């Protein structure tokens, strides 16, 4: 597909006017689809409804997004999501966009329907996944993220709610969705925005430091922790406590949650959840990690069993990467692990 999007210093992709004219449909979407009134998923500014094509009978997902939020025009942000989806049209691990409709108040994205629903539902039902299942999920998520990062696009909202099952679990493919707050990362252009979901947001976002592709890798580490335990590593009783835990990298591995989990899995999580973005693995390094590719060889980097990471010494490759002579983690005190909260909002 010809890429008709342009990158700008806003971190958004733009679509040229000529392409928009042929892309966006202004006829009522109800002329073409039967639209279920009750959404099956909802965010702060969008609702997802089941669509059925009146001629073919094929079911799709319709993401209806308000064009104004808090009295601000969000059309360009919505078109950015459209541009990302068009760019990812050939990517196997990203949800497919079929059509775009527009009215004076909202835009509707017609997407392929993921019959298995959100990964979050499975995590909730099972209180986490078996380690072998978590490995397969992580591989697929990282394959999707690899495509995005090759395009210098950071997703910035990785979480199980944005990972869709194409069929019933566990015999399913997983696709990544919701690119509304994704941003293009360009050399020489710093993007600083407070974006994301509290449990998964990286420390640099909270401190208003530049966003990078490594910001997603932090969320990858949180995701791995959640899949293996069913709990969030940093969630506190309040958002402020959660943000404090994140900023201090208050990371623990309680025995009751991680008994039987492999040292390679713990090493993977610790190699992604470092406060310095330069110390985190890249997506490709994540995919090559022994936990995911089944090789042995991280034992020298894995600390003795402990529920506290203050004594953890990073492996030499990470220390070389960020120039550290020791651990990239902050010293921390023990912090209780609390059940994950489902906040779909953007931090503000």
Protein backbone atom coordinates (compact mmCIF):
# COMPACT_ATOMS: atom_id res chain seq x y z
CA UNK A 1 0.00 0.00 0.00
CA UNK A 2 1.26 3.43 -0.86
CA UNK A 3 2.05 5.41 2.28
CA UNK A 4 0.21 8.73 1.94
CA UNK A 5 0.91 9.80 5.51
CA UNK A 6 3.46 12.40 6.52
CA UNK A 7 5.30 12.68 9.83
CA UNK A 8 5.38 16.00 11.66
CA UNK A 9 6.95 17.32 14.83
CA UNK A 10 3.61 16.87 16.61
CA UNK A 11 4.16 13.13 16.82
CA UNK A 12 1.10 12.54 14.64
CA UNK A 13 0.76 11.08 11.17
CA UNK A 14 -1.13 13.17 8.64
CA UNK A 15 -3.11 12.00 5.60
CA UNK A 16 -3.16 14.23 2.54
CA UNK A 17 -6.47 15.82 1.51
CA UNK A 18 -6.73 13.91 -1.75
CA UNK A 19 -6.50 10.59 0.07
CA UNK A 20 -9.01 11.74 2.69
CA UNK A 21 -11.56 12.50 -0.01
CA UNK A 22 -11.47 8.93 -1.25
CA UNK A 23 -11.10 7.39 2.21
CA UNK A 24 -13.86 8.96 4.30
CA UNK A 25 -17.52 8.21 3.68
CA UNK A 26 -20.18 10.74 4.67
CA UNK A 27 -23.29 8.67 4.08
CA UNK A 28 -24.99 7.37 7.25
CA UNK A 29 -23.25 4.22 8.44
CA UNK A 30 -26.71 2.76 9.10
CA UNK A 31 -27.32 2.73 5.34
CA UNK A 32 -24.65 0.05 5.02
CA UNK A 33 -24.57 -1.68 8.41
CA UNK A 34 -26.99 -2.74 11.11
CA UNK A 35 -25.53 -1.10 14.21
CA UNK A 36 -26.13 -2.56 17.65
CA UNK A 37 -27.22 0.15 20.05
CA UNK A 38 -25.41 -1.19 23.12
CA UNK A 39 -21.60 -0.96 22.93
CA UNK A 40 -19.59 -4.07 23.81
CA UNK A 41 -16.60 -1.91 24.78
CA UNK A 42 -16.36 1.68 25.91
CA UNK A 43 -13.65 4.23 26.71
CA UNK A 44 -13.81 7.84 27.84
CA UNK A 45 -14.30 9.20 24.33
CA UNK A 46 -15.20 6.18 22.22
CA UNK A 47 -17.66 3.30 22.08
CA UNK A 48 -17.27 0.06 20.13
CA UNK A 49 -20.43 -1.49 18.70
CA UNK A 50 -21.08 -4.63 16.70
CA UNK A 51 -21.85 -3.95 13.02
CA UNK A 52 -23.41 -6.37 10.55
CA UNK A 53 -23.12 -5.60 6.83
CA UNK A 54 -26.63 -5.49 5.36
CA UNK A 55 -25.64 -7.23 2.12
CA UNK A 56 -22.96 -9.74 3.12
CA UNK A 57 -24.08 -10.43 6.69
CA UNK A 58 -20.44 -10.22 7.85
CA UNK A 59 -19.95 -8.84 11.38
CA UNK A 60 -17.44 -6.09 12.14
CA UNK A 61 -16.52 -3.83 15.05
CA UNK A 62 -17.41 -0.16 14.76
CA UNK A 63 -15.32 2.24 16.86
CA UNK A 64 -17.32 5.47 17.26
CA UNK A 65 -15.13 8.35 18.39
CA UNK A 66 -16.28 11.81 19.44
CA UNK A 67 -14.60 14.58 17.42
CA UNK A 68 -14.62 17.05 20.31
CA UNK A 69 -13.25 16.29 23.76
CA UNK A 70 -13.34 18.86 26.52
CA UNK A 71 -14.20 21.54 23.94
CA UNK A 72 -11.14 20.68 21.83
CA UNK A 73 -11.20 19.44 18.24
CA UNK A 74 -9.73 15.93 18.10
CA UNK A 75 -10.24 15.20 14.42
CA UNK A 76 -6.53 15.20 13.63
CA UNK A 77 -5.83 12.75 16.46
CA UNK A 78 -8.51 10.44 15.08
CA UNK A 79 -7.04 10.70 11.58
CA UNK A 80 -3.66 9.85 13.09
CA UNK A 81 -5.12 6.56 14.33
CA UNK A 82 -6.55 5.96 10.86
CA UNK A 83 -3.13 6.64 9.33
CA UNK A 84 -1.41 4.19 11.69
CA UNK A 85 -3.97 1.49 10.87
CA UNK A 86 -3.53 2.09 7.12
CA UNK A 87 0.24 1.88 7.51
CA UNK A 88 -0.19 -1.42 9.36
CA UNK A 89 -2.56 -2.88 6.78
CA UNK A 90 -0.19 -5.76 5.94
CA UNK A 91 0.92 -6.41 9.53
CA UNK A 92 -0.45 -9.72 10.80
CA UNK A 93 -0.63 -8.78 14.48
CA UNK A 94 -2.51 -5.48 14.18
CA UNK A 95 -6.28 -5.12 13.83
CA UNK A 96 -7.45 -4.37 10.28
CA UNK A 97 -9.26 -1.17 9.26
CA UNK A 98 -11.95 -1.58 6.60
CA UNK A 99 -13.75 1.78 6.28
CA UNK A 100 -14.10 5.22 7.86
CA UNK A 101 -17.34 7.18 8.25
CA UNK A 102 -17.73 10.76 9.44
CA UNK A 103 -20.62 12.85 10.79
CA UNK A 104 -20.54 16.39 12.22
CA UNK A 105 -20.00 15.01 15.75
CA UNK A 106 -18.10 11.73 15.41
CA UNK A 107 -16.04 9.44 13.26
CA UNK A 108 -16.62 5.68 12.95
CA UNK A 109 -13.82 3.23 12.18
CA UNK A 110 -15.01 -0.09 10.77
CA UNK A 111 -12.59 -2.76 12.02
CA UNK A 112 -12.33 -6.51 11.77
CA UNK A 113 -14.21 -8.18 14.62
CA UNK A 114 -12.17 -10.13 17.14
CA UNK A 115 -14.58 -12.88 18.16
CA UNK A 116 -12.63 -13.85 21.29
CA UNK A 117 -12.84 -10.42 22.90
CA UNK A 118 -10.17 -8.75 25.01
CA UNK A 119 -7.21 -10.55 26.55
CA UNK A 120 -8.12 -8.83 29.83
CA UNK A 121 -11.20 -11.04 30.13
CA UNK A 122 -9.04 -14.17 30.06
CA UNK A 123 -6.59 -12.73 32.60
CA UNK A 124 -9.49 -11.90 34.93
CA UNK A 125 -11.14 -15.31 34.58
CA UNK A 126 -7.94 -17.27 35.14
CA UNK A 127 -6.18 -14.90 37.59
CA UNK A 128 -3.29 -14.78 35.16
CA UNK A 129 -1.98 -17.27 32.62
CA UNK A 130 0.16 -20.37 32.80
CA UNK A 131 3.75 -19.44 31.98
CA UNK A 132 3.71 -21.31 28.65
CA UNK A 133 0.56 -19.42 27.67
CA UNK A 134 2.08 -16.10 28.75
CA UNK A 135 5.14 -16.76 26.57
CA UNK A 136 2.97 -17.28 23.48
CA UNK A 137 0.98 -14.13 24.20
CA UNK A 138 4.13 -12.06 24.75
CA UNK A 139 5.64 -13.27 21.47
CA UNK A 140 2.59 -12.17 19.50
CA UNK A 141 2.34 -8.81 21.24
CA UNK A 142 6.04 -8.16 20.63
CA UNK A 143 5.67 -9.09 16.96
CA UNK A 144 3.00 -6.39 16.64
CA UNK A 145 5.16 -3.94 18.54
CA UNK A 146 8.16 -4.80 16.38
CA UNK A 147 6.28 -3.66 13.28
CA UNK A 148 5.29 -0.39 14.94
CA UNK A 149 8.80 0.31 16.19
CA UNK A 150 10.22 -0.35 12.73
CA UNK A 151 8.00 2.55 11.65
CA UNK A 152 9.20 4.60 14.65
CA UNK A 153 5.74 4.52 16.17
CA UNK A 154 5.29 4.10 19.93
CA UNK A 155 1.91 2.63 20.95
CA UNK A 156 1.94 4.16 24.47
CA UNK A 157 -1.11 2.27 25.75
CA UNK A 158 -0.12 -1.39 25.85
CA UNK A 159 -2.41 -3.34 28.17
CA UNK A 160 -4.54 -6.50 27.97
CA UNK A 161 -7.66 -4.45 27.11
CA UNK A 162 -5.96 -3.42 23.86
CA UNK A 163 -5.05 -6.97 22.86
CA UNK A 164 -7.81 -8.79 21.01
CA UNK A 165 -8.38 -12.52 20.52
CA UNK A 166 -9.42 -13.44 17.00
CA UNK A 167 -10.95 -16.71 18.26
CA UNK A 168 -11.79 -18.23 21.62
CA UNK A 169 -8.81 -18.63 23.93
CA UNK A 170 -6.39 -20.43 23.90
CA UNK A 171 -6.48 -21.48 20.21
CA UNK A 172 -6.26 -17.95 18.89
CA UNK A 173 -4.17 -15.26 17.29
CA UNK A 174 -3.78 -11.96 19.12
CA UNK A 175 -3.95 -8.55 17.45
CA UNK A 176 -3.11 -5.15 18.86
CA UNK A 177 -5.65 -2.33 18.74
CA UNK A 178 -6.31 1.26 19.88
CA UNK A 179 -3.69 3.59 18.42
CA UNK A 180 -5.40 6.79 19.55
CA UNK A 181 -2.52 7.98 21.72
CA UNK A 182 0.32 6.43 19.71
CA UNK A 183 3.04 8.83 18.61
CA UNK A 184 5.73 8.99 15.94
CA UNK A 185 9.24 9.16 17.41
CA UNK A 186 11.65 11.19 15.25
CA UNK A 187 15.32 12.02 15.63
CA UNK A 188 15.77 15.57 16.85
CA UNK A 189 12.13 15.94 17.88
CA UNK A 190 11.17 15.49 21.53
CA UNK A 191 7.62 14.39 22.30
CA UNK A 192 6.57 15.12 25.87
CA UNK A 193 3.02 14.23 26.78
CA UNK A 194 1.21 12.78 29.75
CA UNK A 195 -0.37 9.77 28.06
CA UNK A 196 -1.26 6.23 29.01
CA UNK A 197 -3.04 4.10 31.59
CA UNK A 198 -1.84 4.50 35.20
CA UNK A 199 -0.77 0.90 35.92
CA UNK A 200 1.22 0.62 32.68
CA UNK A 201 2.72 4.09 32.22
CA UNK A 202 6.52 4.49 32.25
CA UNK A 203 8.44 6.69 34.73
CA UNK A 204 9.62 9.12 32.03
CA UNK A 205 6.02 9.93 31.15
CA UNK A 206 5.26 10.84 34.77
CA UNK A 207 8.37 13.04 34.99
CA UNK A 208 7.51 14.70 31.65
CA UNK A 209 10.70 13.49 30.03
CA UNK A 210 10.83 12.71 26.28
CA UNK A 211 8.83 9.69 25.13
CA UNK A 212 10.73 7.05 23.16
CA UNK A 213 10.18 3.57 21.78
CA UNK A 214 11.58 2.33 25.10
CA UNK A 215 8.47 3.75 26.77
CA UNK A 216 6.54 0.82 25.27
CA UNK A 217 9.10 -1.65 26.60
CA UNK A 218 8.30 -0.60 30.18
CA UNK A 219 4.65 -1.48 29.47
CA UNK A 220 5.82 -4.83 28.04
CA UNK A 221 7.40 -5.60 31.41
CA UNK A 222 4.23 -4.66 33.27
CA UNK A 223 2.23 -6.83 30.88
CA UNK A 224 4.48 -9.85 31.50
CA UNK A 225 4.10 -9.38 35.26
CA UNK A 226 0.30 -9.14 34.98
CA UNK A 227 0.00 -12.18 32.72
CA UNK A 228 2.09 -14.33 35.07
CA UNK A 229 0.50 -13.20 38.34
CA UNK A 230 -2.88 -11.63 37.57
CA UNK A 231 -1.75 -8.57 39.52
CA UNK A 232 -0.27 -5.19 38.68
CA UNK A 233 3.31 -4.67 39.93
CA UNK A 234 2.84 -1.01 40.86
CA UNK A 235 -0.86 -0.46 41.61
CA UNK A 236 -1.53 1.47 44.79
CA UNK A 237 -4.69 2.45 46.63
CA UNK A 238 -4.66 5.78 44.76
CA UNK A 239 -3.28 6.98 41.44
CA UNK A 240 -0.73 9.07 43.32
CA UNK A 241 0.55 6.00 45.17
CA UNK A 242 0.68 4.06 41.90
CA UNK A 243 2.71 6.85 40.26
CA UNK A 244 5.06 6.94 43.25
CA UNK A 245 5.60 3.17 43.01
CA UNK A 246 6.35 3.51 39.30
CA UNK A 247 8.76 6.41 39.75
CA UNK A 248 10.68 4.47 42.41
CA UNK A 249 10.42 1.17 40.47
CA UNK A 250 8.93 -0.41 43.60
CA UNK A 251 9.07 -3.89 42.11
CA UNK A 252 8.57 -7.07 44.14
CA UNK A 253 7.97 -10.72 43.28
CA UNK A 254 5.96 -12.22 46.16
CA UNK A 255 6.39 -15.97 46.52
CA UNK A 256 2.65 -16.55 46.63
CA UNK A 257 2.34 -15.03 43.14
CA UNK A 258 5.58 -16.17 41.49
CA UNK A 259 6.24 -19.59 43.03
CA UNK A 260 7.12 -21.85 40.13
CA UNK A 261 7.74 -19.02 37.67
CA UNK A 262 11.07 -19.47 35.88
CA UNK A 263 14.16 -17.34 36.61
CA UNK A 264 14.17 -16.41 32.91
CA UNK A 265 10.73 -14.83 33.27
CA UNK A 266 11.84 -12.81 36.31
CA UNK A 267 14.96 -11.71 34.45
CA UNK A 268 12.86 -10.64 31.45
CA UNK A 269 10.62 -8.48 33.64
CA UNK A 270 13.54 -6.88 35.45
CA UNK A 271 15.28 -6.18 32.14
CA UNK A 272 12.28 -4.18 30.95
CA UNK A 273 11.25 -2.49 34.18
CA UNK A 274 14.25 -0.23 34.67
CA UNK A 275 13.70 3.46 35.34
CA UNK A 276 16.37 4.53 32.85
CA UNK A 277 14.94 3.96 29.34
CA UNK A 278 18.46 3.42 27.98
CA UNK A 279 18.80 0.31 30.14
CA UNK A 280 15.69 -1.40 28.80
CA UNK A 281 15.85 -4.06 26.16
CA UNK A 282 14.66 -3.18 22.67
CA UNK A 283 11.70 -5.07 21.23
CA UNK A 284 14.05 -7.24 19.18
CA UNK A 285 16.12 -7.99 22.27
CA UNK A 286 12.89 -8.95 24.06
CA UNK A 287 12.04 -11.38 21.28
CA UNK A 288 15.55 -12.88 21.50
CA UNK A 289 15.45 -13.17 25.29
CA UNK A 290 15.90 -16.74 26.60
CA UNK A 291 12.48 -16.61 28.25
CA UNK A 292 10.77 -16.26 24.88
CA UNK A 293 13.05 -18.22 22.59
CA UNK A 294 13.65 -21.15 24.92
CA UNK A 295 17.43 -20.89 25.16
CA UNK A 296 19.39 -21.16 28.39
CA UNK A 297 21.99 -18.65 29.41
CA UNK A 298 20.75 -15.93 31.73
CA UNK A 299 21.61 -17.65 34.98
CA UNK A 300 24.61 -15.39 35.58
CA UNK A 301 22.32 -12.38 35.35
CA UNK A 302 19.57 -13.73 37.58
CA UNK A 303 19.90 -12.82 41.27
CA UNK A 304 19.22 -15.22 44.12
CA UNK A 305 15.57 -15.77 44.88
CA UNK A 306 14.20 -12.72 46.66
CA UNK A 307 11.02 -10.71 46.89
CA UNK A 308 13.03 -7.49 46.73
CA UNK A 309 15.07 -6.21 43.78
CA UNK A 310 17.27 -3.71 45.64
CA UNK A 311 20.21 -6.13 45.54
CA UNK A 312 19.69 -6.98 41.88
CA UNK A 313 22.75 -6.35 39.72
CA UNK A 314 22.09 -5.73 36.03
CA UNK A 315 23.86 -7.96 33.52
CA UNK A 316 26.88 -6.53 31.70
CA UNK A 317 25.05 -5.95 28.43
CA UNK A 318 22.57 -3.61 30.09
CA UNK A 319 25.26 -1.78 32.05
CA UNK A 320 27.23 -1.26 28.85
CA UNK A 321 24.10 0.01 27.14
CA UNK A 322 23.34 2.74 29.66
CA UNK A 323 26.78 3.39 31.07
CA UNK A 324 25.84 2.16 34.51
CA UNK A 325 28.32 0.47 36.81
CA UNK A 326 25.64 -1.15 38.90
CA UNK A 327 21.92 -1.57 39.19
CA UNK A 328 19.67 0.72 37.20
CA UNK A 329 16.94 0.24 39.81
CA UNK A 330 16.26 2.69 42.59
CA UNK A 331 16.60 1.43 46.13
CA UNK A 332 13.14 0.65 47.33
CA UNK A 333 11.24 -0.56 50.31
CA UNK A 334 8.80 -3.41 50.23
CA UNK A 335 5.48 -2.49 48.64
CA UNK A 336 2.33 -4.58 48.74
CA UNK A 337 1.03 -5.92 45.44
CA UNK A 338 -2.62 -5.02 44.97
CA UNK A 339 -5.14 -6.23 42.42
CA UNK A 340 -4.99 -4.56 39.02
CA UNK A 341 -7.39 -1.70 38.41
CA UNK A 342 -9.05 -1.20 35.03
CA UNK A 343 -8.59 2.51 34.40
CA UNK A 344 -9.05 3.11 30.68
CA UNK A 345 -8.45 6.84 30.89
CA UNK A 346 -5.59 8.99 29.73
CA UNK A 347 -3.60 10.40 32.62
CA UNK A 348 -4.48 14.03 33.17
